[in-house]
Amino acid sequence: MSSKSKEQIGRIVLIAVLVLLSLIIIVPLLIMLLGSFKDSAEVTAFDLKLPKKWNFNNFPIVFKEGKLLRAFGNSMLITIISTSITIFVSSLASFVLARRNARLSRFLYYFFFIGTIIPMQIMPTIRLFSAINIYGGYSNIIILYSALNIPFSCFLYTGFIKGIPKVLDESAFIEGASTFKIYLYIILPLLKSCNITVLILLFTGIWNEINIPLYFLNNPLKRTMPLSVYQFFGMYGGSNWNYVFADLTLATLPIVILFIFMQKQFISGLTEGAVKG
């Protein structure tokens, strides 16, 4: 068998494996989406058949009973602020780490690496936030999300910034620009694709996260979308799966819209970071 034939066979096998892996994700999503338009009896089949009658009234019922408007606002507030803080802090820190070849910079780089490995300890963190009197509010969960995501974001930004020529920094420095101005007006605009990649990763992770809000938000009025889905499942999961699927569909809709509009920049950011890193 020629090398060309082996290459074609390998490519076919790879495509088949990718299709099967895609189906593992796509099929449950289709069951959820179609089930959100079915009635309570038809949805129990959990199949891919189209609804006999499209019940669009499932969504207004879910929106009202699940109090999704408040939960949506809470999730947007927490996710946007946490993501913005993480992107700004990690990109600025990575600029320094990538440009300064000193022992302290290398130490901090590996220090951030440790942050991606060590898991968060829930009870000590709760005691800490209680001691400084921020436990249960928006601020404690925003700080926590930012702290958890900064280490990984620094790795992405550092690899990307290392591929940006240092001559740009030196030219601006000669012209009298400060370090922060070099970051703000030269480096940050060049990080557009990397910013979008980090944005999608952070937005998706924070929006879908349930454990941290479950432990660190003690006020029902501050619950996020995943907590709303969790509570709604407890109310209707045994009998009305059509409502549960409609609730899940509404909860995942912002992530789907974000990825649809930014998928090209997301993919280019990953590939550019891989090449430059």
Protein backbone atom coordinates (compact mmCIF):
# COMPACT_ATOMS: atom_id res chain seq x y z
CA MET A 1 0.00 0.00 0.00
CA SER A 2 1.38 3.38 -1.01
CA SER A 3 1.96 6.21 1.43
CA LYS A 4 -0.72 8.25 -0.34
CA SER A 5 -3.31 5.50 0.21
CA LYS A 6 -2.33 5.22 3.86
CA GLU A 7 -2.72 8.97 4.23
CA GLN A 8 -6.20 8.87 2.67
CA ILE A 9 -7.28 5.98 4.92
CA GLY A 10 -5.96 7.80 7.98
CA ARG A 11 -7.85 10.92 6.96
CA ILE A 12 -11.10 8.96 6.50
CA VAL A 13 -10.69 7.30 9.90
CA LEU A 14 -10.02 10.68 11.52
CA ILE A 15 -13.12 12.19 9.93
CA ALA A 16 -15.24 9.22 11.06
CA VAL A 17 -13.97 9.55 14.63
CA LEU A 18 -14.65 13.31 14.64
CA VAL A 19 -18.18 12.75 13.30
CA LEU A 20 -18.90 10.20 16.04
CA LEU A 21 -17.55 12.53 18.71
CA SER A 22 -19.64 15.36 17.29
CA LEU A 23 -22.77 13.22 17.45
CA ILE A 24 -22.16 12.57 21.14
CA ILE A 25 -22.59 16.32 21.69
CA ILE A 26 -25.08 17.18 18.94
CA VAL A 27 -27.65 14.45 19.61
CA PRO A 28 -28.35 15.43 23.27
CA LEU A 29 -28.54 19.08 22.22
CA LEU A 30 -31.11 18.25 19.53
CA ILE A 31 -33.14 16.16 21.99
CA MET A 32 -33.14 19.12 24.38
CA LEU A 33 -34.03 21.66 21.68
CA LEU A 34 -36.85 19.59 20.15
CA GLY A 35 -38.12 18.58 23.59
CA SER A 36 -38.51 22.21 24.57
CA PHE A 37 -41.29 22.51 21.95
CA LYS A 38 -43.14 19.28 22.89
CA ASP A 39 -45.85 18.60 25.44
CA SER A 40 -45.28 16.75 28.71
CA ALA A 41 -46.35 13.37 27.28
CA GLU A 42 -44.51 13.51 23.97
CA VAL A 43 -41.21 14.67 25.47
CA THR A 44 -40.80 11.54 27.62
CA ALA A 45 -39.74 9.57 24.51
CA PHE A 46 -36.45 11.55 24.47
CA ASP A 47 -36.15 11.06 20.71
CA LEU A 48 -35.22 13.16 17.68
CA LYS A 49 -38.74 13.26 16.20
CA LEU A 50 -40.19 16.63 15.38
CA PRO A 51 -43.01 17.77 17.70
CA LYS A 52 -46.52 16.90 16.54
CA LYS A 53 -47.49 20.38 17.68
CA TRP A 54 -44.94 23.11 18.32
CA ASN A 55 -45.66 24.39 21.84
CA PHE A 56 -44.05 27.82 21.93
CA ASN A 57 -45.95 28.60 25.12
CA ASN A 58 -43.43 26.46 27.06
CA PHE A 59 -40.96 29.33 27.04
CA PRO A 60 -43.19 32.06 28.57
CA ILE A 61 -44.20 29.61 31.32
CA VAL A 62 -40.59 28.76 32.06
CA PHE A 63 -39.52 32.40 31.94
CA LYS A 64 -42.18 33.34 34.50
CA GLU A 65 -42.07 30.32 36.83
CA GLY A 66 -38.29 30.05 36.78
CA LYS A 67 -37.78 33.80 37.36
CA LEU A 68 -35.23 33.77 34.58
CA LEU A 69 -35.11 37.53 34.08
CA ARG A 70 -33.50 38.15 37.48
CA ALA A 71 -31.25 35.09 37.10
CA PHE A 72 -30.20 36.27 33.63
CA GLY A 73 -29.32 39.71 34.99
CA ASN A 74 -27.31 38.19 37.84
CA SER A 75 -25.37 35.92 35.47
CA MET A 76 -24.66 38.76 33.05
CA LEU A 77 -23.43 41.03 35.86
CA ILE A 78 -21.14 38.40 37.39
CA THR A 79 -19.86 37.06 34.07
CA ILE A 80 -19.15 40.42 32.42
CA ILE A 81 -17.35 41.93 35.42
CA SER A 82 -15.36 38.77 36.17
CA THR A 83 -14.36 38.38 32.53
CA SER A 84 -13.35 42.03 32.17
CA ILE A 85 -11.19 41.95 35.32
CA THR A 86 -9.55 38.69 34.25
CA ILE A 87 -8.75 39.89 30.73
CA PHE A 88 -7.32 43.22 31.89
CA VAL A 89 -5.24 41.87 34.79
CA SER A 90 -3.94 38.76 33.01
CA SER A 91 -3.05 40.56 29.77
CA LEU A 92 -1.23 43.33 31.67
CA ALA A 93 0.63 40.82 33.85
CA SER A 94 1.51 38.71 30.81
CA PHE A 95 2.95 41.76 29.06
CA VAL A 96 5.40 42.20 31.93
CA LEU A 97 6.16 38.47 32.18
CA ALA A 98 6.79 38.17 28.45
CA ARG A 99 8.99 41.25 28.17
CA ARG A 100 11.16 41.01 31.30
CA ASN A 101 13.64 38.16 31.35
CA ALA A 102 14.39 38.27 35.08
CA ARG A 103 14.30 35.72 37.88
CA LEU A 104 11.25 37.33 39.43
CA SER A 105 9.37 37.17 36.12
CA ARG A 106 10.19 33.49 35.68
CA PHE A 107 9.21 32.80 39.28
CA LEU A 108 5.84 34.55 38.81
CA TYR A 109 5.27 32.66 35.57
CA TYR A 110 5.63 29.32 37.32
CA PHE A 111 3.69 30.67 40.30
CA PHE A 112 0.74 31.22 37.96
CA PHE A 113 1.25 27.69 36.67
CA ILE A 114 0.77 26.38 40.20
CA GLY A 115 -2.55 28.25 40.27
CA THR A 116 -3.85 26.12 37.41
CA ILE A 117 -3.04 22.88 39.25
CA ILE A 118 -4.03 23.39 42.88
CA PRO A 119 -7.80 23.04 43.37
CA MET A 120 -9.80 25.63 45.28
CA GLN A 121 -10.53 24.84 48.93
CA ILE A 122 -14.16 25.77 49.54
CA MET A 123 -14.39 25.93 53.34
CA PRO A 124 -11.22 28.01 53.95
CA THR A 125 -12.33 30.38 51.18
CA ILE A 126 -15.76 30.76 52.77
CA ARG A 127 -14.12 31.50 56.14
CA LEU A 128 -11.87 34.09 54.50
CA PHE A 129 -14.74 35.88 52.77
CA SER A 130 -16.79 35.77 55.96
CA ALA A 131 -13.90 37.30 57.91
CA ILE A 132 -13.67 40.25 55.51
CA ASN A 133 -17.47 40.51 55.41
CA ILE A 134 -18.10 39.95 51.70
CA TYR A 135 -19.43 36.39 51.78
CA GLY A 136 -22.74 35.83 50.02
CA GLY A 137 -22.65 38.90 47.79
CA TYR A 138 -21.67 39.59 44.21
CA SER A 139 -18.18 40.80 45.15
CA ASN A 140 -16.99 37.52 46.66
CA ILE A 141 -17.97 35.46 43.63
CA ILE A 142 -16.50 38.01 41.18
CA ILE A 143 -13.19 38.01 43.07
CA LEU A 144 -13.20 34.21 43.15
CA TYR A 145 -13.89 33.80 39.43
CA SER A 146 -11.19 36.34 38.57
CA ALA A 147 -8.62 34.66 40.81
CA LEU A 148 -9.38 31.20 39.43
CA ASN A 149 -9.17 32.24 35.78
CA ILE A 150 -6.19 34.61 35.81
CA PRO A 151 -3.49 31.84 35.89
CA PHE A 152 -4.72 30.03 32.78
CA SER A 153 -5.37 33.31 30.95
CA CYS A 154 -1.80 34.40 31.70
CA PHE A 155 -0.46 31.34 29.90
CA LEU A 156 -2.47 32.14 26.79
CA TYR A 157 -1.49 35.82 26.79
CA THR A 158 2.18 35.21 27.56
CA GLY A 159 2.61 32.86 24.61
CA PHE A 160 0.84 35.31 22.33
CA ILE A 161 2.76 38.42 23.48
CA LYS A 162 6.11 36.67 23.03
CA GLY A 163 5.36 36.58 19.31
CA ILE A 164 4.95 40.37 19.12
CA PRO A 165 8.28 42.03 18.11
CA LYS A 166 9.99 43.88 20.94
CA VAL A 167 11.06 46.58 18.51
CA LEU A 168 7.55 48.04 18.76
CA ASP A 169 7.98 48.52 22.50
CA GLU A 170 11.47 49.99 22.09
CA SER A 171 10.33 52.48 19.45
CA ALA A 172 7.47 53.69 21.65
CA PHE A 173 9.77 53.88 24.68
CA ILE A 174 12.21 56.05 22.76
CA GLU A 175 9.33 58.37 21.90
CA GLY A 176 8.65 58.80 25.61
CA ALA A 177 5.77 56.38 26.15
CA SER A 178 5.43 54.78 29.57
CA THR A 179 5.11 51.03 30.09
CA PHE A 180 1.36 51.28 30.63
CA LYS A 181 0.89 53.40 27.49
CA ILE A 182 2.88 50.84 25.47
CA TYR A 183 0.55 48.15 26.76
CA LEU A 184 -2.59 50.21 26.23
CA TYR A 185 -1.92 51.65 22.77
CA ILE A 186 0.40 49.09 21.15
CA ILE A 187 0.11 45.67 22.76
CA LEU A 188 -3.61 45.61 23.63
CA PRO A 189 -4.84 46.36 20.07
CA LEU A 190 -2.63 43.52 18.77
CA LEU A 191 -4.27 41.10 21.24
CA LYS A 192 -7.69 41.30 19.61
CA SER A 193 -7.94 37.66 18.50
CA CYS A 194 -6.41 36.42 21.75
CA ASN A 195 -8.83 38.60 23.74
CA ILE A 196 -11.78 37.09 21.92
CA THR A 197 -10.46 33.57 22.53
CA VAL A 198 -10.07 34.26 26.25
CA LEU A 199 -13.44 36.04 26.31
CA ILE A 200 -15.31 33.04 24.92
CA LEU A 201 -13.50 30.58 27.18
CA LEU A 202 -14.13 32.68 30.29
CA PHE A 203 -17.69 33.64 29.41
CA THR A 204 -18.65 30.02 28.74
CA GLY A 205 -16.94 28.69 31.85
CA ILE A 206 -18.32 31.33 34.23
CA TRP A 207 -21.81 31.33 32.74
CA ASN A 208 -22.21 27.54 33.02
CA GLU A 209 -20.50 27.14 36.43
CA ILE A 210 -22.81 25.99 39.23
CA ASN A 211 -20.67 24.89 42.18
CA ILE A 212 -19.25 28.30 43.08
CA PRO A 213 -22.64 30.13 43.00
CA LEU A 214 -24.16 27.23 44.97
CA TYR A 215 -21.67 27.70 47.83
CA PHE A 216 -20.95 31.42 47.67
CA LEU A 217 -24.37 32.99 46.94
CA ASN A 218 -26.63 32.62 49.96
CA ASN A 219 -29.37 34.95 48.72
CA PRO A 220 -32.04 33.38 46.42
CA LEU A 221 -32.48 36.73 44.69
CA LYS A 222 -28.84 36.59 43.54
CA ARG A 223 -28.93 33.11 42.01
CA THR A 224 -27.47 32.69 38.52
CA MET A 225 -28.87 30.89 35.47
CA PRO A 226 -27.36 27.47 36.34
CA LEU A 227 -28.82 27.70 39.85
CA SER A 228 -32.17 28.66 38.35
CA VAL A 229 -32.03 25.60 36.09
CA TYR A 230 -31.04 23.45 39.09
CA GLN A 231 -34.03 24.69 41.11
CA PHE A 232 -36.38 24.42 38.15
CA PHE A 233 -35.28 20.81 37.57
CA GLY A 234 -36.19 20.01 41.17
CA MET A 235 -39.66 21.41 40.58
CA TYR A 236 -40.49 19.88 37.18
CA GLY A 237 -37.82 17.23 36.44
CA GLY A 238 -40.03 14.33 37.41
CA SER A 239 -43.08 15.18 35.33
CA ASN A 240 -42.58 18.09 32.90
CA TRP A 241 -39.38 17.55 30.96
CA ASN A 242 -40.62 19.92 28.27
CA TYR A 243 -40.34 22.78 30.77
CA VAL A 244 -36.90 21.60 31.89
CA PHE A 245 -35.67 21.45 28.29
CA ALA A 246 -37.12 24.90 27.58
CA ASP A 247 -35.31 26.22 30.65
CA LEU A 248 -32.03 24.65 29.53
CA THR A 249 -32.46 26.07 26.02
CA LEU A 250 -32.92 29.60 27.34
CA ALA A 251 -29.91 29.19 29.65
CA THR A 252 -27.59 28.09 26.83
CA LEU A 253 -28.84 30.62 24.27
CA PRO A 254 -26.42 33.49 25.18
CA ILE A 255 -23.39 31.18 24.87
CA VAL A 256 -24.53 29.90 21.48
CA ILE A 257 -25.10 33.44 20.17
CA LEU A 258 -21.70 34.58 21.45
CA PHE A 259 -19.88 31.70 19.79
CA ILE A 260 -21.75 32.09 16.47
CA PHE A 261 -20.71 35.73 16.13
CA MET A 262 -17.12 35.24 17.33
CA GLN A 263 -16.17 31.75 16.15
CA LYS A 264 -13.77 32.98 13.43
CA GLN A 265 -11.84 35.17 15.85
CA PHE A 266 -11.89 32.36 18.43
CA ILE A 267 -10.29 29.85 16.04
CA SER A 268 -7.74 32.37 14.74
CA GLY A 269 -6.78 33.28 18.30
CA LEU A 270 -6.12 29.66 19.16
CA THR A 271 -4.03 29.02 16.05
CA GLU A 272 -2.05 32.27 16.33
CA GLY A 273 -1.34 31.60 19.99
CA ALA A 274 -0.14 28.10 19.16
CA VAL A 275 2.22 29.35 16.46
CA LYS A 276 3.54 32.30 18.45
CA GLY A 277 3.86 30.39 21.69
